């Protein structure tokens, strides 16, 4: 997971202050616009994202490269699947 913390991301989704289901809805739209193989960094404050974002990745075939928590903020690095 520490490798993900140093990766340069192609796009950023800041879903801070939003509650379920908004972060995942925003993530779905953001990933759709990302190039195949692109790396997205997600910032969220809703604890339910710890469950929802990994499930989102598995369901849609994206790769969750890492996740971290810092003082109530949840960080995720998601690689969009190649088409």
PDB file of N, CA and C in Angstrom:
ATOM      1  N   UNK A   1       0.824  -1.195   0.000  1.00  0.00           N
ATOM      2  CA  UNK A   1       0.000   0.000   0.000  1.00  0.00           C
ATOM      3  C   UNK A   1       0.860   1.246   0.000  1.00  0.00           C
ATOM      4  N   UNK A   2       2.013   1.218   0.613  1.00  0.00           N
ATOM      5  CA  UNK A   2       2.843   2.418   0.676  1.00  0.00           C
ATOM      6  C   UNK A   2       3.283   2.871  -0.716  1.00  0.00           C
ATOM      7  N   UNK A   3       3.389   1.917  -1.678  1.00  0.00           N
ATOM      8  CA  UNK A   3       3.732   2.304  -3.042  1.00  0.00           C
ATOM      9  C   UNK A   3       2.679   3.230  -3.628  1.00  0.00           C
ATOM     10  N   UNK A   4       1.408   2.953  -3.335  1.00  0.00           N
ATOM     11  CA  UNK A   4       0.324   3.769  -3.882  1.00  0.00           C
ATOM     12  C   UNK A   4       0.433   5.209  -3.396  1.00  0.00           C
ATOM     13  N   UNK A   5       0.929   5.399  -2.194  1.00  0.00           N
ATOM     14  CA  UNK A   5       1.011   6.745  -1.640  1.00  0.00           C
ATOM     15  C   UNK A   5       1.955   7.631  -2.432  1.00  0.00           C
ATOM     16  N   UNK A   6       2.878   7.034  -3.165  1.00  0.00           N
ATOM     17  CA  UNK A   6       3.849   7.805  -3.924  1.00  0.00           C
ATOM     18  C   UNK A   6       3.513   7.889  -5.415  1.00  0.00           C
ATOM     19  N   UNK A   7       2.444   7.217  -5.847  1.00  0.00           N
ATOM     20  CA  UNK A   7       2.086   7.233  -7.263  1.00  0.00           C
ATOM     21  C   UNK A   7       1.524   8.590  -7.679  1.00  0.00           C
ATOM     22  N   UNK A   8       1.881   9.003  -8.870  1.00  0.00           N
ATOM     23  CA  UNK A   8       1.295  10.217  -9.443  1.00  0.00           C
ATOM     24  C   UNK A   8      -0.052   9.848 -10.031  1.00  0.00           C
ATOM     25  N   UNK A   9      -1.094  10.541  -9.624  1.00  0.00           N
ATOM     26  CA  UNK A   9      -2.428  10.238 -10.128  1.00  0.00           C
ATOM     27  C   UNK A   9      -2.750  11.125 -11.328  1.00  0.00           C
ATOM     28  N   UNK A  10      -3.618  10.587 -12.182  1.00  0.00           N
ATOM     29  CA  UNK A  10      -4.038  11.309 -13.381  1.00  0.00           C
ATOM     30  C   UNK A  10      -5.196  12.259 -13.092  1.00  0.00           C
ATOM     31  N   UNK A  11      -5.984  11.928 -12.073  1.00  0.00           N
ATOM     32  CA  UNK A  11      -7.126  12.767 -11.721  1.00  0.00           C
ATOM     33  C   UNK A  11      -7.406  12.596 -10.237  1.00  0.00           C
ATOM     34  N   UNK A  12      -8.163  13.533  -9.696  1.00  0.00           N
ATOM     35  CA  UNK A  12      -8.464  13.558  -8.261  1.00  0.00           C
ATOM     36  C   UNK A  12      -9.955  13.751  -8.068  1.00  0.00           C
ATOM     37  N   UNK A  13     -10.519  12.968  -7.157  1.00  0.00           N
ATOM     38  CA  UNK A  13     -11.910  13.141  -6.754  1.00  0.00           C
ATOM     39  C   UNK A  13     -11.914  13.465  -5.271  1.00  0.00           C
ATOM     40  N   UNK A  14     -12.363  14.652  -4.931  1.00  0.00           N
ATOM     41  CA  UNK A  14     -12.472  15.045  -3.526  1.00  0.00           C
ATOM     42  C   UNK A  14     -13.940  14.979  -3.128  1.00  0.00           C
ATOM     43  N   UNK A  15     -14.292  13.918  -2.401  1.00  0.00           N
ATOM     44  CA  UNK A  15     -15.667  13.710  -1.949  1.00  0.00           C
ATOM     45  C   UNK A  15     -15.785  14.020  -0.459  1.00  0.00           C
ATOM     46  N   UNK A  16     -14.907  14.859   0.046  1.00  0.00           N
ATOM     47  CA  UNK A  16     -14.926  15.230   1.462  1.00  0.00           C
ATOM     48  C   UNK A  16     -16.258  15.876   1.825  1.00  0.00           C
ATOM     49  N   UNK A  17     -16.800  15.472   2.972  1.00  0.00           N
ATOM     50  CA  UNK A  17     -18.038  16.051   3.465  1.00  0.00           C
ATOM     51  C   UNK A  17     -19.295  15.429   2.890  1.00  0.00           C
ATOM     52  N   UNK A  18     -19.143  14.525   1.945  1.00  0.00           N
ATOM     53  CA  UNK A  18     -20.300  13.873   1.338  1.00  0.00           C
ATOM     54  C   UNK A  18     -20.537  12.512   1.980  1.00  0.00           C
ATOM     55  N   UNK A  19     -21.796  12.124   2.073  1.00  0.00           N
ATOM     56  CA  UNK A  19     -22.152  10.847   2.677  1.00  0.00           C
ATOM     57  C   UNK A  19     -22.743   9.905   1.645  1.00  0.00           C
ATOM     58  N   UNK A  20     -22.702   8.633   1.968  1.00  0.00           N
ATOM     59  CA  UNK A  20     -23.243   7.574   1.128  1.00  0.00           C
ATOM     60  C   UNK A  20     -24.653   7.947   0.669  1.00  0.00           C
ATOM     61  N   UNK A  21     -24.958   7.801  -0.593  1.00  0.00           N
ATOM     62  CA  UNK A  21     -24.192   7.151  -1.672  1.00  0.00           C
ATOM     63  C   UNK A  21     -23.418   8.131  -2.562  1.00  0.00           C
ATOM     64  N   UNK A  22     -23.347   9.403  -2.183  1.00  0.00           N
ATOM     65  CA  UNK A  22     -22.747  10.412  -3.058  1.00  0.00           C
ATOM     66  C   UNK A  22     -21.300  10.127  -3.470  1.00  0.00           C
ATOM     67  N   UNK A  23     -20.402   9.719  -2.544  1.00  0.00           N
ATOM     68  CA  UNK A  23     -19.016   9.485  -2.993  1.00  0.00           C
ATOM     69  C   UNK A  23     -18.904   8.433  -4.093  1.00  0.00           C
ATOM     70  N   UNK A  24     -19.671   7.351  -3.984  1.00  0.00           N
ATOM     71  CA  UNK A  24     -19.591   6.294  -4.998  1.00  0.00           C
ATOM     72  C   UNK A  24     -20.253   6.746  -6.296  1.00  0.00           C
ATOM     73  N   UNK A  25     -21.317   7.512  -6.210  1.00  0.00           N
ATOM     74  CA  UNK A  25     -21.938   8.045  -7.425  1.00  0.00           C
ATOM     75  C   UNK A  25     -20.974   8.965  -8.157  1.00  0.00           C
ATOM     76  N   UNK A  26     -20.282   9.822  -7.409  1.00  0.00           N
ATOM     77  CA  UNK A  26     -19.292  10.714  -8.015  1.00  0.00           C
ATOM     78  C   UNK A  26     -18.122   9.915  -8.589  1.00  0.00           C
ATOM     79  N   UNK A  27     -17.711   8.864  -7.868  1.00  0.00           N
ATOM     80  CA  UNK A  27     -16.622   8.010  -8.328  1.00  0.00           C
ATOM     81  C   UNK A  27     -16.989   7.360  -9.656  1.00  0.00           C
ATOM     82  N   UNK A  28     -18.202   6.881  -9.758  1.00  0.00           N
ATOM     83  CA  UNK A  28     -18.648   6.232 -10.993  1.00  0.00           C
ATOM     84  C   UNK A  28     -18.530   7.190 -12.177  1.00  0.00           C
ATOM     85  N   UNK A  29     -18.969   8.420 -12.000  1.00  0.00           N
ATOM     86  CA  UNK A  29     -18.884   9.416 -13.078  1.00  0.00           C
ATOM     87  C   UNK A  29     -17.441   9.787 -13.403  1.00  0.00           C
ATOM     88  N   UNK A  30     -16.608   9.921 -12.377  1.00  0.00           N
ATOM     89  CA  UNK A  30     -15.213  10.323 -12.573  1.00  0.00           C
ATOM     90  C   UNK A  30     -14.437   9.220 -13.303  1.00  0.00           C
ATOM     91  N   UNK A  31     -14.660   7.978 -12.914  1.00  0.00           N
ATOM     92  CA  UNK A  31     -13.960   6.857 -13.556  1.00  0.00           C
ATOM     93  C   UNK A  31     -14.372   6.742 -15.017  1.00  0.00           C
ATOM     94  N   UNK A  32     -15.615   7.015 -15.302  1.00  0.00           N
ATOM     95  CA  UNK A  32     -16.107   6.943 -16.681  1.00  0.00           C
ATOM     96  C   UNK A  32     -15.311   7.894 -17.580  1.00  0.00           C
ATOM     97  N   UNK A  33     -14.940   9.058 -17.051  1.00  0.00           N
ATOM     98  CA  UNK A  33     -14.210  10.059 -17.841  1.00  0.00           C
ATOM     99  C   UNK A  33     -12.700   9.825 -17.878  1.00  0.00           C
ATOM    100  N   UNK A  34     -12.213   8.918 -17.047  1.00  0.00           N
ATOM    101  CA  UNK A  34     -10.778   8.650 -16.960  1.00  0.00           C
ATOM    102  C   UNK A  34     -10.340   7.740 -18.111  1.00  0.00           C
ATOM    103  N   UNK A  35      -9.154   7.955 -18.624  1.00  0.00           N
ATOM    104  CA  UNK A  35      -8.620   7.097 -19.679  1.00  0.00           C
ATOM    105  C   UNK A  35      -8.366   5.696 -19.138  1.00  0.00           C
ATOM    106  N   UNK A  36      -8.527   4.659 -19.991  1.00  0.00           N
ATOM    107  CA  UNK A  36      -8.222   3.297 -19.544  1.00  0.00           C
ATOM    108  C   UNK A  36      -6.799   3.217 -18.999  1.00  0.00           C
ATOM    109  N   UNK A  37      -6.638   2.594 -17.857  1.00  0.00           N
ATOM    110  CA  UNK A  37      -5.332   2.489 -17.215  1.00  0.00           C
ATOM    111  C   UNK A  37      -4.974   3.707 -16.382  1.00  0.00           C
ATOM    112  N   UNK A  38      -5.827   4.727 -16.390  1.00  0.00           N
ATOM    113  CA  UNK A  38      -5.565   5.950 -15.626  1.00  0.00           C
ATOM    114  C   UNK A  38      -5.670   5.706 -14.131  1.00  0.00           C
ATOM    115  N   UNK A  39      -4.984   6.523 -13.370  1.00  0.00           N
ATOM    116  CA  UNK A  39      -4.969   6.394 -11.914  1.00  0.00           C
ATOM    117  C   UNK A  39      -5.733   7.554 -11.290  1.00  0.00           C
ATOM    118  N   UNK A  40      -6.697   7.214 -10.461  1.00  0.00           N
ATOM    119  CA  UNK A  40      -7.531   8.185  -9.781  1.00  0.00           C
ATOM    120  C   UNK A  40      -7.261   8.131  -8.286  1.00  0.00           C
ATOM    121  N   UNK A  41      -7.050   9.288  -7.700  1.00  0.00           N
ATOM    122  CA  UNK A  41      -6.941   9.393  -6.246  1.00  0.00           C
ATOM    123  C   UNK A  41      -8.271   9.918  -5.724  1.00  0.00           C
ATOM    124  N   UNK A  42      -8.804   9.258  -4.698  1.00  0.00           N
ATOM    125  CA  UNK A  42     -10.074   9.653  -4.107  1.00  0.00           C
ATOM    126  C   UNK A  42      -9.831  10.065  -2.659  1.00  0.00           C
ATOM    127  N   UNK A  43     -10.416  11.190  -2.273  1.00  0.00           N
ATOM    128  CA  UNK A  43     -10.378  11.669  -0.896  1.00  0.00           C
ATOM    129  C   UNK A  43     -11.816  11.662  -0.396  1.00  0.00           C
ATOM    130  N   UNK A  44     -12.067  11.017   0.748  1.00  0.00           N
ATOM    131  CA  UNK A  44     -13.416  10.947   1.294  1.00  0.00           C
ATOM    132  C   UNK A  44     -13.359  11.060   2.813  1.00  0.00           C
ATOM    133  N   UNK A  45     -14.477  11.445   3.401  1.00  0.00           N
ATOM    134  CA  UNK A  45     -14.571  11.511   4.863  1.00  0.00           C
ATOM    135  C   UNK A  45     -15.637  10.570   5.405  1.00  0.00           C
ATOM    136  N   UNK A  46     -16.417   9.946   4.534  1.00  0.00           N
ATOM    137  CA  UNK A  46     -17.470   9.025   4.954  1.00  0.00           C
ATOM    138  C   UNK A  46     -16.849   7.647   5.222  1.00  0.00           C
ATOM    139  N   UNK A  47     -16.955   7.136   6.466  1.00  0.00           N
ATOM    140  CA  UNK A  47     -16.377   5.830   6.777  1.00  0.00           C
ATOM    141  C   UNK A  47     -16.946   4.688   5.940  1.00  0.00           C
ATOM    142  N   UNK A  48     -18.150   4.836   5.421  1.00  0.00           N
ATOM    143  CA  UNK A  48     -18.733   3.753   4.619  1.00  0.00           C
ATOM    144  C   UNK A  48     -17.967   3.541   3.312  1.00  0.00           C
ATOM    145  N   UNK A  49     -17.132   4.510   2.916  1.00  0.00           N
ATOM    146  CA  UNK A  49     -16.339   4.317   1.696  1.00  0.00           C
ATOM    147  C   UNK A  49     -15.333   3.187   1.867  1.00  0.00           C
ATOM    148  N   UNK A  50     -14.966   2.873   3.106  1.00  0.00           N
ATOM    149  CA  UNK A  50     -14.040   1.753   3.336  1.00  0.00           C
ATOM    150  C   UNK A  50     -14.631   0.443   2.847  1.00  0.00           C
ATOM    151  N   UNK A  51     -15.950   0.340   2.865  1.00  0.00           N
ATOM    152  CA  UNK A  51     -16.641  -0.837   2.368  1.00  0.00           C
ATOM    153  C   UNK A  51     -17.036  -0.649   0.900  1.00  0.00           C
ATOM    154  N   UNK A  52     -17.580   0.527   0.591  1.00  0.00           N
ATOM    155  CA  UNK A  52     -18.195   0.755  -0.719  1.00  0.00           C
ATOM    156  C   UNK A  52     -17.198   0.852  -1.866  1.00  0.00           C
ATOM    157  N   UNK A  53     -16.082   1.531  -1.656  1.00  0.00           N
ATOM    158  CA  UNK A  53     -15.132   1.722  -2.767  1.00  0.00           C
ATOM    159  C   UNK A  53     -14.443   0.415  -3.167  1.00  0.00           C
ATOM    160  N   UNK A  54     -13.981  -0.423  -2.222  1.00  0.00           N
ATOM    161  CA  UNK A  54     -13.441  -1.724  -2.654  1.00  0.00           C
ATOM    162  C   UNK A  54     -14.472  -2.572  -3.400  1.00  0.00           C
ATOM    163  N   UNK A  55     -15.731  -2.570  -2.951  1.00  0.00           N
ATOM    164  CA  UNK A  55     -16.772  -3.330  -3.645  1.00  0.00           C
ATOM    165  C   UNK A  55     -17.022  -2.769  -5.040  1.00  0.00           C
ATOM    166  N   UNK A  56     -17.007  -1.447  -5.174  1.00  0.00           N
ATOM    167  CA  UNK A  56     -17.152  -0.792  -6.468  1.00  0.00           C
ATOM    168  C   UNK A  56     -16.072  -1.288  -7.429  1.00  0.00           C
ATOM    169  N   UNK A  57     -14.845  -1.325  -6.954  1.00  0.00           N
ATOM    170  CA  UNK A  57     -13.713  -1.743  -7.798  1.00  0.00           C
ATOM    171  C   UNK A  57     -13.859  -3.193  -8.242  1.00  0.00           C
ATOM    172  N   UNK A  58     -14.208  -4.071  -7.308  1.00  0.00           N
ATOM    173  CA  UNK A  58     -14.370  -5.490  -7.644  1.00  0.00           C
ATOM    174  C   UNK A  58     -15.505  -5.663  -8.650  1.00  0.00           C
ATOM    175  N   UNK A  59     -16.621  -5.011  -8.400  1.00  0.00           N
ATOM    176  CA  UNK A  59     -17.800  -5.165  -9.246  1.00  0.00           C
ATOM    177  C   UNK A  59     -17.546  -4.704 -10.677  1.00  0.00           C
ATOM    178  N   UNK A  60     -16.820  -3.599 -10.840  1.00  0.00           N
ATOM    179  CA  UNK A  60     -16.592  -3.037 -12.169  1.00  0.00           C
ATOM    180  C   UNK A  60     -15.237  -3.398 -12.778  1.00  0.00           C
ATOM    181  N   UNK A  61     -14.405  -4.134 -12.042  1.00  0.00           N
ATOM    182  CA  UNK A  61     -13.145  -4.618 -12.595  1.00  0.00           C
ATOM    183  C   UNK A  61     -11.986  -3.641 -12.535  1.00  0.00           C
ATOM    184  N   UNK A  62     -12.112  -2.587 -11.726  1.00  0.00           N
ATOM    185  CA  UNK A  62     -11.010  -1.650 -11.554  1.00  0.00           C
ATOM    186  C   UNK A  62     -10.089  -2.163 -10.456  1.00  0.00           C
ATOM    187  N   UNK A  63      -8.854  -1.693 -10.439  1.00  0.00           N
ATOM    188  CA  UNK A  63      -7.870  -2.167  -9.460  1.00  0.00           C
ATOM    189  C   UNK A  63      -7.692  -1.130  -8.350  1.00  0.00           C
ATOM    190  N   UNK A  64      -7.964  -1.559  -7.125  1.00  0.00           N
ATOM    191  CA  UNK A  64      -7.719  -0.717  -5.962  1.00  0.00           C
ATOM    192  C   UNK A  64      -6.261  -0.922  -5.576  1.00  0.00           C
ATOM    193  N   UNK A  65      -5.423   0.050  -5.919  1.00  0.00           N
ATOM    194  CA  UNK A  65      -3.988  -0.089  -5.681  1.00  0.00           C
ATOM    195  C   UNK A  65      -3.619   0.152  -4.228  1.00  0.00           C
ATOM    196  N   UNK A  66      -4.414   0.947  -3.534  1.00  0.00           N
ATOM    197  CA  UNK A  66      -4.101   1.219  -2.137  1.00  0.00           C
ATOM    198  C   UNK A  66      -5.174   2.048  -1.484  1.00  0.00           C
ATOM    199  N   UNK A  67      -5.184   1.986  -0.166  1.00  0.00           N
ATOM    200  CA  UNK A  67      -6.071   2.837   0.603  1.00  0.00           C
ATOM    201  C   UNK A  67      -5.387   3.159   1.921  1.00  0.00           C
ATOM    202  N   UNK A  68      -5.729   4.312   2.464  1.00  0.00           N
ATOM    203  CA  UNK A  68      -5.109   4.766   3.707  1.00  0.00           C
ATOM    204  C   UNK A  68      -6.111   5.632   4.452  1.00  0.00           C
ATOM    205  N   UNK A  69      -5.864   5.783   5.736  1.00  0.00           N
ATOM    206  CA  UNK A  69      -6.694   6.659   6.558  1.00  0.00           C
ATOM    207  C   UNK A  69      -5.782   7.612   7.304  1.00  0.00           C
ATOM    208  N   UNK A  70      -6.133   8.892   7.253  1.00  0.00           N
ATOM    209  CA  UNK A  70      -5.366   9.918   7.951  1.00  0.00           C
ATOM    210  C   UNK A  70      -6.337  10.848   8.665  1.00  0.00           C
ATOM    211  N   UNK A  71      -6.415  10.738   9.974  1.00  0.00           N
ATOM    212  CA  UNK A  71      -7.239  11.648  10.792  1.00  0.00           C
ATOM    213  C   UNK A  71      -8.670  11.788  10.283  1.00  0.00           C
ATOM    214  N   UNK A  72      -9.342  10.662  10.042  1.00  0.00           N
ATOM    215  CA  UNK A  72     -10.729  10.698   9.603  1.00  0.00           C
ATOM    216  C   UNK A  72     -10.927  10.975   8.130  1.00  0.00           C
ATOM    217  N   UNK A  73      -9.846  11.042   7.377  1.00  0.00           N
ATOM    218  CA  UNK A  73      -9.922  11.188   5.924  1.00  0.00           C
ATOM    219  C   UNK A  73      -9.450   9.881   5.302  1.00  0.00           C
ATOM    220  N   UNK A  74     -10.212   9.404   4.349  1.00  0.00           N
ATOM    221  CA  UNK A  74      -9.914   8.126   3.699  1.00  0.00           C
ATOM    222  C   UNK A  74      -9.406   8.407   2.289  1.00  0.00           C
ATOM    223  N   UNK A  75      -8.297   7.784   1.954  1.00  0.00           N
ATOM    224  CA  UNK A  75      -7.649   7.974   0.657  1.00  0.00           C
ATOM    225  C   UNK A  75      -7.641   6.656  -0.101  1.00  0.00           C
ATOM    226  N   UNK A  76      -7.897   6.728  -1.397  1.00  0.00           N
ATOM    227  CA  UNK A  76      -7.928   5.544  -2.253  1.00  0.00           C
ATOM    228  C   UNK A  76      -7.217   5.862  -3.552  1.00  0.00           C
ATOM    229  N   UNK A  77      -6.539   4.854  -4.098  1.00  0.00           N
ATOM    230  CA  UNK A  77      -5.894   4.965  -5.398  1.00  0.00           C
ATOM    231  C   UNK A  77      -6.460   3.857  -6.269  1.00  0.00           C
ATOM    232  N   UNK A  78      -7.122   4.240  -7.348  1.00  0.00           N
ATOM    233  CA  UNK A  78      -7.843   3.295  -8.201  1.00  0.00           C
ATOM    234  C   UNK A  78      -7.309   3.393  -9.623  1.00  0.00           C
ATOM    235  N   UNK A  79      -6.933   2.235 -10.168  1.00  0.00           N
ATOM    236  CA  UNK A  79      -6.496   2.158 -11.550  1.00  0.00           C
ATOM    237  C   UNK A  79      -7.685   1.688 -12.393  1.00  0.00           C
ATOM    238  N   UNK A  80      -8.075   2.511 -13.381  1.00  0.00           N
ATOM    239  CA  UNK A  80      -9.198   2.132 -14.235  1.00  0.00           C
ATOM    240  C   UNK A  80      -8.793   0.946 -15.111  1.00  0.00           C
ATOM    241  N   UNK A  81      -9.715   0.013 -15.242  1.00  0.00           N
ATOM    242  CA  UNK A  81      -9.408  -1.166 -16.056  1.00  0.00           C
ATOM    243  C   UNK A  81      -9.169  -0.753 -17.502  1.00  0.00           C
ATOM    244  N   UNK A  82      -8.326  -1.504 -18.164  1.00  0.00           N
ATOM    245  CA  UNK A  82      -8.074  -1.267 -19.587  1.00  0.00           C
ATOM    246  C   UNK A  82      -9.272  -1.793 -20.371  1.00  0.00           C
ATOM    247  N   UNK A  83      -9.640  -1.104 -21.419  1.00  0.00           N
ATOM    248  CA  UNK A  83     -10.806  -1.539 -22.217  1.00  0.00           C
ATOM    249  C   UNK A  83     -10.516  -2.766 -23.030  1.00  0.00           C
TER     250      UNK A  83
END
